[in-house]
Amino acid sequence: MNAIVSAAFLSSRNHPHVIEHSDGAAEFAVSPQFTCHYDRQNAVLWSKWAPRGIPCFNLELLRDLERGSQSIENYFANASTERPLRHVVLRSAIGNVFNVGGDLGHFQRLIAAQDRAGLAEYARIAIDVVYRNYTSHNLHGVTTIALLEGDALGGGFESALSCDVIVAEKHV
């Protein structure tokens, strides 16, 4: 059974919501920009991002990834037998682009406004997201995989490097 979650529902949520299915699968309703599907049978969490506009790490996507990581950690911590997890796969929903990195327009606006606190906030969240992925969301025995079906530039490539395994198409 597939659950259908509207974009309005997702955008109205402050915290990720997990929708469990009778077969043990689950959907993580983080935001319209970031979703996850848990395949219990294969012990894989398929995460997918679809940034609005330019396929980069905009601030909202970074916040969604941070909340999503916390949700993943909470959902799978101490649940190894009932909810086994061996792999977390990162992938993009944008054709031919994994991610082009930092949000340069956002950086430009913050620099022009001399908003040091805004730049520091962006940096902290970006580092936290990459670190949580590097540490497999603090879950023991989990392998993270970057599935590059498109270009990974700048911070997009760095996020792929934070994974244990990178699988890339030939043209990437």
N, C-alpha and C. Protein backbone atom coordinates (compact mmCIF):
# COMPACT_ATOMS: atom_id res chain seq x y z
N MET A 1 0.84 -1.17 0.00
CA MET A 1 0.00 0.00 0.00
C MET A 1 0.88 1.23 0.00
N ASN A 2 0.65 2.17 -0.91
CA ASN A 2 1.41 3.41 -0.97
C ASN A 2 0.63 4.52 -0.29
N ALA A 3 1.34 5.31 0.49
CA ALA A 3 0.72 6.46 1.13
C ALA A 3 0.94 7.68 0.25
N ILE A 4 -0.06 8.50 0.10
CA ILE A 4 0.06 9.73 -0.65
C ILE A 4 0.01 10.87 0.34
N VAL A 5 1.05 11.70 0.31
CA VAL A 5 1.15 12.81 1.23
C VAL A 5 1.20 14.08 0.41
N SER A 6 0.30 15.00 0.67
CA SER A 6 0.24 16.23 -0.13
C SER A 6 1.37 17.17 0.25
N ALA A 7 1.76 18.02 -0.71
CA ALA A 7 2.80 19.02 -0.46
C ALA A 7 2.35 19.98 0.64
N ALA A 8 1.06 20.30 0.69
CA ALA A 8 0.56 21.21 1.73
C ALA A 8 0.77 20.60 3.11
N PHE A 9 0.51 19.29 3.25
CA PHE A 9 0.73 18.62 4.53
C PHE A 9 2.21 18.69 4.90
N LEU A 10 3.07 18.37 3.93
CA LEU A 10 4.50 18.36 4.21
C LEU A 10 4.99 19.73 4.62
N SER A 11 4.57 20.76 3.91
CA SER A 11 5.09 22.10 4.21
C SER A 11 4.53 22.65 5.51
N SER A 12 3.42 22.09 5.99
CA SER A 12 2.85 22.58 7.24
C SER A 12 3.49 21.95 8.47
N ARG A 13 4.33 20.95 8.28
CA ARG A 13 4.92 20.22 9.39
C ARG A 13 6.21 20.88 9.86
N ASN A 14 6.36 21.05 11.14
CA ASN A 14 7.60 21.56 11.70
C ASN A 14 8.57 20.43 11.98
N HIS A 15 8.04 19.24 12.21
CA HIS A 15 8.87 18.08 12.50
C HIS A 15 8.52 16.97 11.51
N PRO A 16 9.53 16.19 11.13
CA PRO A 16 9.26 15.10 10.20
C PRO A 16 8.23 14.13 10.77
N HIS A 17 7.41 13.62 9.90
CA HIS A 17 6.37 12.69 10.28
C HIS A 17 6.67 11.36 9.58
N VAL A 18 6.58 10.27 10.30
CA VAL A 18 6.84 8.96 9.73
C VAL A 18 5.50 8.25 9.54
N ILE A 19 5.26 7.81 8.32
CA ILE A 19 4.05 7.07 8.00
C ILE A 19 4.46 5.61 7.81
N GLU A 20 4.01 4.75 8.72
CA GLU A 20 4.37 3.34 8.66
C GLU A 20 3.32 2.56 7.90
N HIS A 21 3.77 1.56 7.15
CA HIS A 21 2.89 0.70 6.36
C HIS A 21 2.82 -0.68 7.02
N SER A 22 1.80 -1.42 6.70
CA SER A 22 1.60 -2.73 7.31
C SER A 22 2.73 -3.71 6.96
N ASP A 23 3.42 -3.52 5.83
CA ASP A 23 4.51 -4.42 5.45
C ASP A 23 5.85 -4.05 6.08
N GLY A 24 5.85 -3.06 6.97
CA GLY A 24 7.07 -2.64 7.64
C GLY A 24 7.78 -1.49 6.95
N ALA A 25 7.37 -1.15 5.74
CA ALA A 25 7.95 0.00 5.05
C ALA A 25 7.48 1.27 5.74
N ALA A 26 8.16 2.37 5.44
CA ALA A 26 7.77 3.65 6.04
C ALA A 26 8.17 4.79 5.12
N GLU A 27 7.43 5.87 5.23
CA GLU A 27 7.72 7.10 4.49
C GLU A 27 8.04 8.18 5.51
N PHE A 28 9.11 8.90 5.28
CA PHE A 28 9.48 10.03 6.13
C PHE A 28 9.03 11.29 5.41
N ALA A 29 8.01 11.93 5.93
CA ALA A 29 7.46 13.15 5.33
C ALA A 29 8.20 14.34 5.95
N VAL A 30 9.36 14.67 5.42
CA VAL A 30 10.16 15.76 5.96
C VAL A 30 9.70 17.08 5.36
N SER A 31 9.69 17.17 4.03
CA SER A 31 9.27 18.39 3.34
C SER A 31 9.11 18.08 1.86
N PRO A 32 8.56 19.00 1.08
CA PRO A 32 8.50 18.78 -0.37
C PRO A 32 9.90 18.67 -1.00
N GLN A 33 10.92 19.22 -0.32
CA GLN A 33 12.28 19.17 -0.85
C GLN A 33 13.05 17.91 -0.44
N PHE A 34 12.59 17.21 0.60
CA PHE A 34 13.34 16.06 1.09
C PHE A 34 12.40 15.00 1.63
N THR A 35 12.47 13.81 1.06
CA THR A 35 11.65 12.68 1.50
C THR A 35 12.52 11.43 1.61
N CYS A 36 12.04 10.46 2.36
CA CYS A 36 12.73 9.19 2.50
C CYS A 36 11.71 8.06 2.44
N HIS A 37 12.13 6.94 1.89
CA HIS A 37 11.31 5.73 1.88
C HIS A 37 12.14 4.61 2.49
N TYR A 38 11.59 3.98 3.52
CA TYR A 38 12.26 2.86 4.18
C TYR A 38 11.73 1.56 3.61
N ASP A 39 12.63 0.78 3.04
CA ASP A 39 12.34 -0.54 2.49
C ASP A 39 12.82 -1.56 3.54
N ARG A 40 11.89 -2.03 4.37
CA ARG A 40 12.25 -2.94 5.46
C ARG A 40 12.79 -4.26 4.95
N GLN A 41 12.20 -4.77 3.87
CA GLN A 41 12.61 -6.06 3.33
C GLN A 41 14.10 -6.08 2.97
N ASN A 42 14.62 -4.99 2.43
CA ASN A 42 16.02 -4.91 2.05
C ASN A 42 16.86 -4.09 3.03
N ALA A 43 16.25 -3.60 4.10
CA ALA A 43 16.91 -2.80 5.13
C ALA A 43 17.63 -1.58 4.54
N VAL A 44 16.92 -0.87 3.64
CA VAL A 44 17.47 0.29 2.95
C VAL A 44 16.56 1.50 3.16
N LEU A 45 17.17 2.63 3.46
CA LEU A 45 16.44 3.89 3.52
C LEU A 45 16.85 4.69 2.28
N TRP A 46 15.89 4.91 1.40
CA TRP A 46 16.12 5.67 0.17
C TRP A 46 15.74 7.11 0.42
N SER A 47 16.72 8.00 0.45
CA SER A 47 16.42 9.41 0.64
C SER A 47 16.53 10.12 -0.71
N LYS A 48 15.70 11.14 -0.87
CA LYS A 48 15.67 11.85 -2.14
C LYS A 48 15.43 13.33 -1.89
N TRP A 49 16.29 14.17 -2.48
CA TRP A 49 16.08 15.60 -2.36
C TRP A 49 15.71 16.20 -3.70
N ALA A 50 14.90 17.23 -3.63
CA ALA A 50 14.44 17.94 -4.81
C ALA A 50 14.38 19.43 -4.47
N PRO A 51 15.55 20.09 -4.44
CA PRO A 51 15.58 21.50 -4.06
C PRO A 51 14.73 22.35 -5.00
N ARG A 52 14.08 23.36 -4.43
CA ARG A 52 13.34 24.32 -5.25
C ARG A 52 14.34 25.19 -6.00
N GLY A 53 14.01 25.53 -7.23
CA GLY A 53 14.87 26.42 -8.01
C GLY A 53 16.16 25.73 -8.41
N ILE A 54 17.25 26.42 -8.21
CA ILE A 54 18.56 25.88 -8.55
C ILE A 54 18.82 24.65 -7.66
N PRO A 55 19.27 23.54 -8.25
CA PRO A 55 19.47 22.32 -7.45
C PRO A 55 20.72 22.39 -6.57
N CYS A 56 20.65 23.27 -5.57
CA CYS A 56 21.76 23.48 -4.65
C CYS A 56 21.26 23.28 -3.22
N PHE A 57 22.18 23.39 -2.29
CA PHE A 57 21.82 23.28 -0.88
C PHE A 57 21.31 24.63 -0.39
N ASN A 58 20.04 24.93 -0.69
CA ASN A 58 19.46 26.16 -0.15
C ASN A 58 19.26 25.96 1.35
N LEU A 59 19.10 27.06 2.07
CA LEU A 59 19.01 27.00 3.53
C LEU A 59 17.85 26.12 3.99
N GLU A 60 16.72 26.19 3.30
CA GLU A 60 15.56 25.39 3.69
C GLU A 60 15.86 23.89 3.51
N LEU A 61 16.54 23.54 2.41
CA LEU A 61 16.89 22.13 2.20
C LEU A 61 17.85 21.66 3.29
N LEU A 62 18.83 22.48 3.63
CA LEU A 62 19.75 22.10 4.70
C LEU A 62 19.01 21.86 6.01
N ARG A 63 18.06 22.74 6.32
CA ARG A 63 17.26 22.55 7.55
C ARG A 63 16.44 21.27 7.46
N ASP A 64 15.88 20.99 6.28
CA ASP A 64 15.12 19.75 6.08
C ASP A 64 16.02 18.53 6.26
N LEU A 65 17.23 18.59 5.73
CA LEU A 65 18.17 17.47 5.87
C LEU A 65 18.57 17.28 7.33
N GLU A 66 18.73 18.38 8.05
CA GLU A 66 19.06 18.29 9.48
C GLU A 66 17.92 17.63 10.25
N ARG A 67 16.69 18.09 10.02
CA ARG A 67 15.52 17.49 10.69
C ARG A 67 15.34 16.04 10.26
N GLY A 68 15.56 15.77 8.98
CA GLY A 68 15.44 14.40 8.49
C GLY A 68 16.43 13.47 9.14
N SER A 69 17.67 13.93 9.30
CA SER A 69 18.69 13.11 9.95
C SER A 69 18.31 12.81 11.39
N GLN A 70 17.82 13.81 12.09
CA GLN A 70 17.38 13.59 13.47
C GLN A 70 16.24 12.59 13.52
N SER A 71 15.33 12.68 12.58
CA SER A 71 14.21 11.75 12.52
C SER A 71 14.68 10.33 12.23
N ILE A 72 15.62 10.20 11.30
CA ILE A 72 16.19 8.89 10.97
C ILE A 72 16.85 8.29 12.20
N GLU A 73 17.65 9.10 12.88
CA GLU A 73 18.34 8.62 14.08
C GLU A 73 17.34 8.17 15.14
N ASN A 74 16.31 8.96 15.37
CA ASN A 74 15.30 8.61 16.38
C ASN A 74 14.52 7.36 16.00
N TYR A 75 14.17 7.23 14.72
CA TYR A 75 13.34 6.12 14.28
C TYR A 75 14.08 4.78 14.34
N PHE A 76 15.38 4.80 14.01
CA PHE A 76 16.12 3.54 13.92
C PHE A 76 16.96 3.22 15.15
N ALA A 77 17.17 4.17 16.03
CA ALA A 77 17.97 3.91 17.23
C ALA A 77 17.28 2.84 18.08
N ASN A 78 18.03 1.86 18.51
CA ASN A 78 17.53 0.79 19.39
C ASN A 78 16.37 -0.01 18.79
N ALA A 79 16.29 -0.06 17.47
CA ALA A 79 15.21 -0.82 16.83
C ALA A 79 15.77 -1.77 15.78
N SER A 80 16.95 -2.32 16.04
CA SER A 80 17.64 -3.10 15.02
C SER A 80 16.91 -4.37 14.60
N THR A 81 16.16 -4.99 15.48
CA THR A 81 15.47 -6.22 15.10
C THR A 81 14.13 -5.95 14.44
N GLU A 82 13.39 -4.98 14.94
CA GLU A 82 12.08 -4.69 14.35
C GLU A 82 12.18 -3.80 13.11
N ARG A 83 13.23 -2.97 13.06
CA ARG A 83 13.45 -2.09 11.91
C ARG A 83 14.92 -2.16 11.51
N PRO A 84 15.32 -3.23 10.85
CA PRO A 84 16.74 -3.34 10.48
C PRO A 84 17.10 -2.27 9.44
N LEU A 85 18.30 -1.74 9.55
CA LEU A 85 18.78 -0.76 8.58
C LEU A 85 20.25 -1.04 8.30
N ARG A 86 20.55 -1.33 7.04
CA ARG A 86 21.93 -1.58 6.64
C ARG A 86 22.49 -0.47 5.74
N HIS A 87 21.60 0.18 4.97
CA HIS A 87 22.07 1.18 4.02
C HIS A 87 21.17 2.41 4.01
N VAL A 88 21.79 3.58 3.88
CA VAL A 88 21.08 4.82 3.63
C VAL A 88 21.61 5.34 2.29
N VAL A 89 20.70 5.50 1.33
CA VAL A 89 21.08 5.95 -0.02
C VAL A 89 20.65 7.39 -0.21
N LEU A 90 21.61 8.25 -0.59
CA LEU A 90 21.32 9.64 -0.92
C LEU A 90 21.20 9.76 -2.43
N ARG A 91 20.15 10.41 -2.88
CA ARG A 91 20.00 10.62 -4.32
C ARG A 91 19.16 11.86 -4.58
N SER A 92 19.24 12.31 -5.81
CA SER A 92 18.53 13.51 -6.22
C SER A 92 17.31 13.16 -7.04
N ALA A 93 16.27 13.97 -6.92
CA ALA A 93 15.08 13.81 -7.75
C ALA A 93 15.17 14.69 -9.00
N ILE A 94 16.26 15.46 -9.12
CA ILE A 94 16.46 16.35 -10.25
C ILE A 94 17.27 15.62 -11.31
N GLY A 95 16.76 15.55 -12.52
CA GLY A 95 17.45 14.85 -13.59
C GLY A 95 18.81 15.44 -13.91
N ASN A 96 19.81 14.60 -14.06
CA ASN A 96 21.18 14.95 -14.45
C ASN A 96 21.93 15.84 -13.47
N VAL A 97 21.40 16.04 -12.26
CA VAL A 97 22.10 16.83 -11.25
C VAL A 97 21.92 16.16 -9.89
N PHE A 98 23.02 15.80 -9.25
CA PHE A 98 22.97 15.32 -7.87
C PHE A 98 22.80 16.54 -6.97
N ASN A 99 23.72 17.49 -7.09
CA ASN A 99 23.61 18.77 -6.38
C ASN A 99 24.78 19.65 -6.84
N VAL A 100 24.51 20.95 -7.03
CA VAL A 100 25.57 21.85 -7.49
C VAL A 100 26.25 22.60 -6.34
N GLY A 101 25.95 22.24 -5.10
CA GLY A 101 26.67 22.79 -3.96
C GLY A 101 25.94 23.89 -3.23
N GLY A 102 26.73 24.81 -2.70
CA GLY A 102 26.19 25.89 -1.88
C GLY A 102 25.31 26.84 -2.67
N ASP A 103 24.46 27.54 -1.96
CA ASP A 103 23.53 28.49 -2.56
C ASP A 103 24.24 29.83 -2.74
N LEU A 104 24.87 30.02 -3.90
CA LEU A 104 25.70 31.20 -4.13
C LEU A 104 24.90 32.50 -4.08
N GLY A 105 23.65 32.47 -4.54
CA GLY A 105 22.79 33.66 -4.45
C GLY A 105 22.56 34.06 -3.00
N HIS A 106 22.33 33.06 -2.16
CA HIS A 106 22.13 33.31 -0.73
C HIS A 106 23.41 33.89 -0.12
N PHE A 107 24.56 33.31 -0.47
CA PHE A 107 25.84 33.83 0.03
C PHE A 107 26.01 35.29 -0.38
N GLN A 108 25.70 35.59 -1.63
CA GLN A 108 25.87 36.94 -2.14
C GLN A 108 25.01 37.93 -1.36
N ARG A 109 23.74 37.55 -1.11
CA ARG A 109 22.85 38.43 -0.34
C ARG A 109 23.36 38.64 1.08
N LEU A 110 23.83 37.58 1.72
CA LEU A 110 24.34 37.70 3.09
C LEU A 110 25.61 38.54 3.15
N ILE A 111 26.48 38.37 2.17
CA ILE A 111 27.72 39.14 2.15
C ILE A 111 27.41 40.61 1.91
N ALA A 112 26.51 40.90 0.96
CA ALA A 112 26.14 42.29 0.68
C ALA A 112 25.53 42.96 1.91
N ALA A 113 24.77 42.19 2.68
CA ALA A 113 24.14 42.72 3.89
C ALA A 113 25.09 42.68 5.10
N GLN A 114 26.30 42.17 4.89
CA GLN A 114 27.29 41.98 5.97
C GLN A 114 26.69 41.18 7.13
N ASP A 115 25.93 40.15 6.77
CA ASP A 115 25.24 39.31 7.75
C ASP A 115 26.13 38.13 8.13
N ARG A 116 27.06 38.39 9.02
CA ARG A 116 28.00 37.35 9.47
C ARG A 116 27.25 36.21 10.18
N ALA A 117 26.24 36.55 10.97
CA ALA A 117 25.48 35.52 11.69
C ALA A 117 24.75 34.60 10.71
N GLY A 118 24.21 35.15 9.64
CA GLY A 118 23.53 34.33 8.63
C GLY A 118 24.49 33.38 7.93
N LEU A 119 25.69 33.87 7.60
CA LEU A 119 26.71 33.00 6.99
C LEU A 119 27.14 31.90 7.96
N ALA A 120 27.31 32.27 9.23
CA ALA A 120 27.72 31.28 10.24
C ALA A 120 26.64 30.22 10.43
N GLU A 121 25.35 30.64 10.40
CA GLU A 121 24.26 29.68 10.54
C GLU A 121 24.26 28.70 9.38
N TYR A 122 24.41 29.21 8.16
CA TYR A 122 24.45 28.34 6.98
C TYR A 122 25.60 27.35 7.10
N ALA A 123 26.79 27.85 7.47
CA ALA A 123 27.96 26.97 7.61
C ALA A 123 27.73 25.90 8.67
N ARG A 124 27.18 26.28 9.82
CA ARG A 124 26.94 25.31 10.90
C ARG A 124 26.00 24.21 10.46
N ILE A 125 24.91 24.59 9.80
CA ILE A 125 23.94 23.58 9.37
C ILE A 125 24.55 22.68 8.30
N ALA A 126 25.27 23.27 7.35
CA ALA A 126 25.89 22.47 6.28
C ALA A 126 26.88 21.47 6.86
N ILE A 127 27.70 21.92 7.80
CA ILE A 127 28.68 21.02 8.44
C ILE A 127 27.97 19.94 9.24
N ASP A 128 26.91 20.29 9.97
CA ASP A 128 26.16 19.32 10.75
C ASP A 128 25.56 18.24 9.85
N VAL A 129 24.99 18.65 8.73
CA VAL A 129 24.37 17.69 7.80
C VAL A 129 25.41 16.72 7.25
N VAL A 130 26.55 17.25 6.82
CA VAL A 130 27.60 16.38 6.27
C VAL A 130 28.16 15.46 7.36
N TYR A 131 28.35 15.99 8.55
CA TYR A 131 28.89 15.18 9.64
C TYR A 131 27.92 14.06 10.03
N ARG A 132 26.62 14.38 10.13
CA ARG A 132 25.64 13.35 10.48
C ARG A 132 25.64 12.24 9.43
N ASN A 133 25.78 12.61 8.16
CA ASN A 133 25.85 11.60 7.13
C ASN A 133 27.15 10.79 7.24
N TYR A 134 28.26 11.48 7.49
CA TYR A 134 29.56 10.82 7.64
C TYR A 134 29.54 9.79 8.77
N THR A 135 28.82 10.09 9.84
CA THR A 135 28.73 9.18 10.98
C THR A 135 27.53 8.25 10.88
N SER A 136 26.94 8.15 9.68
CA SER A 136 25.79 7.26 9.43
C SER A 136 24.64 7.57 10.37
N HIS A 137 24.42 8.86 10.62
CA HIS A 137 23.31 9.31 11.47
C HIS A 137 23.38 8.69 12.86
N ASN A 138 24.63 8.44 13.32
CA ASN A 138 24.88 7.86 14.64
C ASN A 138 24.27 6.47 14.80
N LEU A 139 24.14 5.74 13.69
CA LEU A 139 23.58 4.39 13.72
C LEU A 139 24.69 3.39 13.42
N HIS A 140 24.87 2.43 14.32
CA HIS A 140 25.93 1.44 14.20
C HIS A 140 25.63 0.47 13.05
N GLY A 141 26.65 0.17 12.25
CA GLY A 141 26.53 -0.83 11.20
C GLY A 141 25.80 -0.38 9.95
N VAL A 142 25.58 0.91 9.78
CA VAL A 142 24.87 1.43 8.61
C VAL A 142 25.89 1.98 7.62
N THR A 143 25.74 1.63 6.36
CA THR A 143 26.58 2.12 5.29
C THR A 143 25.82 3.18 4.51
N THR A 144 26.44 4.35 4.33
CA THR A 144 25.81 5.40 3.54
C THR A 144 26.33 5.33 2.11
N ILE A 145 25.41 5.54 1.17
CA ILE A 145 25.73 5.43 -0.25
C ILE A 145 25.23 6.67 -0.98
N ALA A 146 26.11 7.30 -1.76
CA ALA A 146 25.70 8.41 -2.62
C ALA A 146 25.46 7.83 -4.00
N LEU A 147 24.26 8.02 -4.53
CA LEU A 147 23.89 7.55 -5.86
C LEU A 147 23.89 8.76 -6.78
N LEU A 148 24.97 8.93 -7.53
CA LEU A 148 25.13 10.09 -8.40
C LEU A 148 24.63 9.75 -9.80
N GLU A 149 23.42 10.20 -10.07
CA GLU A 149 22.84 10.01 -11.40
C GLU A 149 22.90 11.33 -12.17
N GLY A 150 23.73 12.22 -11.68
CA GLY A 150 23.91 13.53 -12.29
C GLY A 150 25.10 14.22 -11.65
N ASP A 151 25.40 15.41 -12.12
CA ASP A 151 26.60 16.13 -11.69
C ASP A 151 26.56 16.50 -10.21
N ALA A 152 27.72 16.39 -9.58
CA ALA A 152 27.90 16.77 -8.18
C ALA A 152 29.04 17.77 -8.15
N LEU A 153 28.71 19.03 -7.86
CA LEU A 153 29.70 20.10 -7.87
C LEU A 153 29.83 20.71 -6.49
N GLY A 154 31.00 21.23 -6.17
CA GLY A 154 31.22 21.93 -4.90
C GLY A 154 30.74 21.12 -3.71
N GLY A 155 29.83 21.74 -2.94
CA GLY A 155 29.28 21.09 -1.76
C GLY A 155 28.48 19.84 -2.10
N GLY A 156 27.97 19.74 -3.32
CA GLY A 156 27.28 18.52 -3.74
C GLY A 156 28.25 17.35 -3.80
N PHE A 157 29.46 17.60 -4.30
CA PHE A 157 30.49 16.57 -4.34
C PHE A 157 30.97 16.26 -2.93
N GLU A 158 31.11 17.29 -2.10
CA GLU A 158 31.53 17.08 -0.71
C GLU A 158 30.51 16.23 0.04
N SER A 159 29.22 16.45 -0.22
CA SER A 159 28.21 15.63 0.45
C SER A 159 28.32 14.18 0.00
N ALA A 160 28.62 13.96 -1.28
CA ALA A 160 28.82 12.59 -1.77
C ALA A 160 30.04 11.96 -1.09
N LEU A 161 31.10 12.76 -0.92
CA LEU A 161 32.31 12.24 -0.27
C LEU A 161 32.08 11.87 1.19
N SER A 162 31.03 12.41 1.81
CA SER A 162 30.75 12.07 3.21
C SER A 162 30.14 10.67 3.34
N CYS A 163 29.82 10.06 2.22
CA CYS A 163 29.25 8.70 2.23
C CYS A 163 30.36 7.65 2.25
N ASP A 164 30.01 6.46 2.70
CA ASP A 164 30.95 5.34 2.70
C ASP A 164 31.22 4.84 1.29
N VAL A 165 30.21 4.91 0.43
CA VAL A 165 30.30 4.39 -0.93
C VAL A 165 29.70 5.42 -1.89
N ILE A 166 30.36 5.61 -3.03
CA ILE A 166 29.82 6.47 -4.08
C ILE A 166 29.60 5.61 -5.32
N VAL A 167 28.38 5.63 -5.82
CA VAL A 167 28.04 4.96 -7.07
C VAL A 167 27.67 6.07 -8.05
N ALA A 168 28.44 6.17 -9.14
CA ALA A 168 28.23 7.25 -10.09
C ALA A 168 28.06 6.70 -11.50
N GLU A 169 27.12 7.30 -12.24
CA GLU A 169 26.97 6.95 -13.64
C GLU A 169 28.21 7.42 -14.40
N LYS A 170 28.47 6.80 -15.53
CA LYS A 170 29.67 7.07 -16.30
C LYS A 170 29.82 8.54 -16.69
N HIS A 171 28.72 9.20 -17.03
CA HIS A 171 28.78 10.59 -17.51
C HIS A 171 28.95 11.63 -16.39
N VAL A 172 28.87 11.23 -15.15
CA VAL A 172 28.95 12.19 -14.05
C VAL A 172 30.38 12.66 -13.88
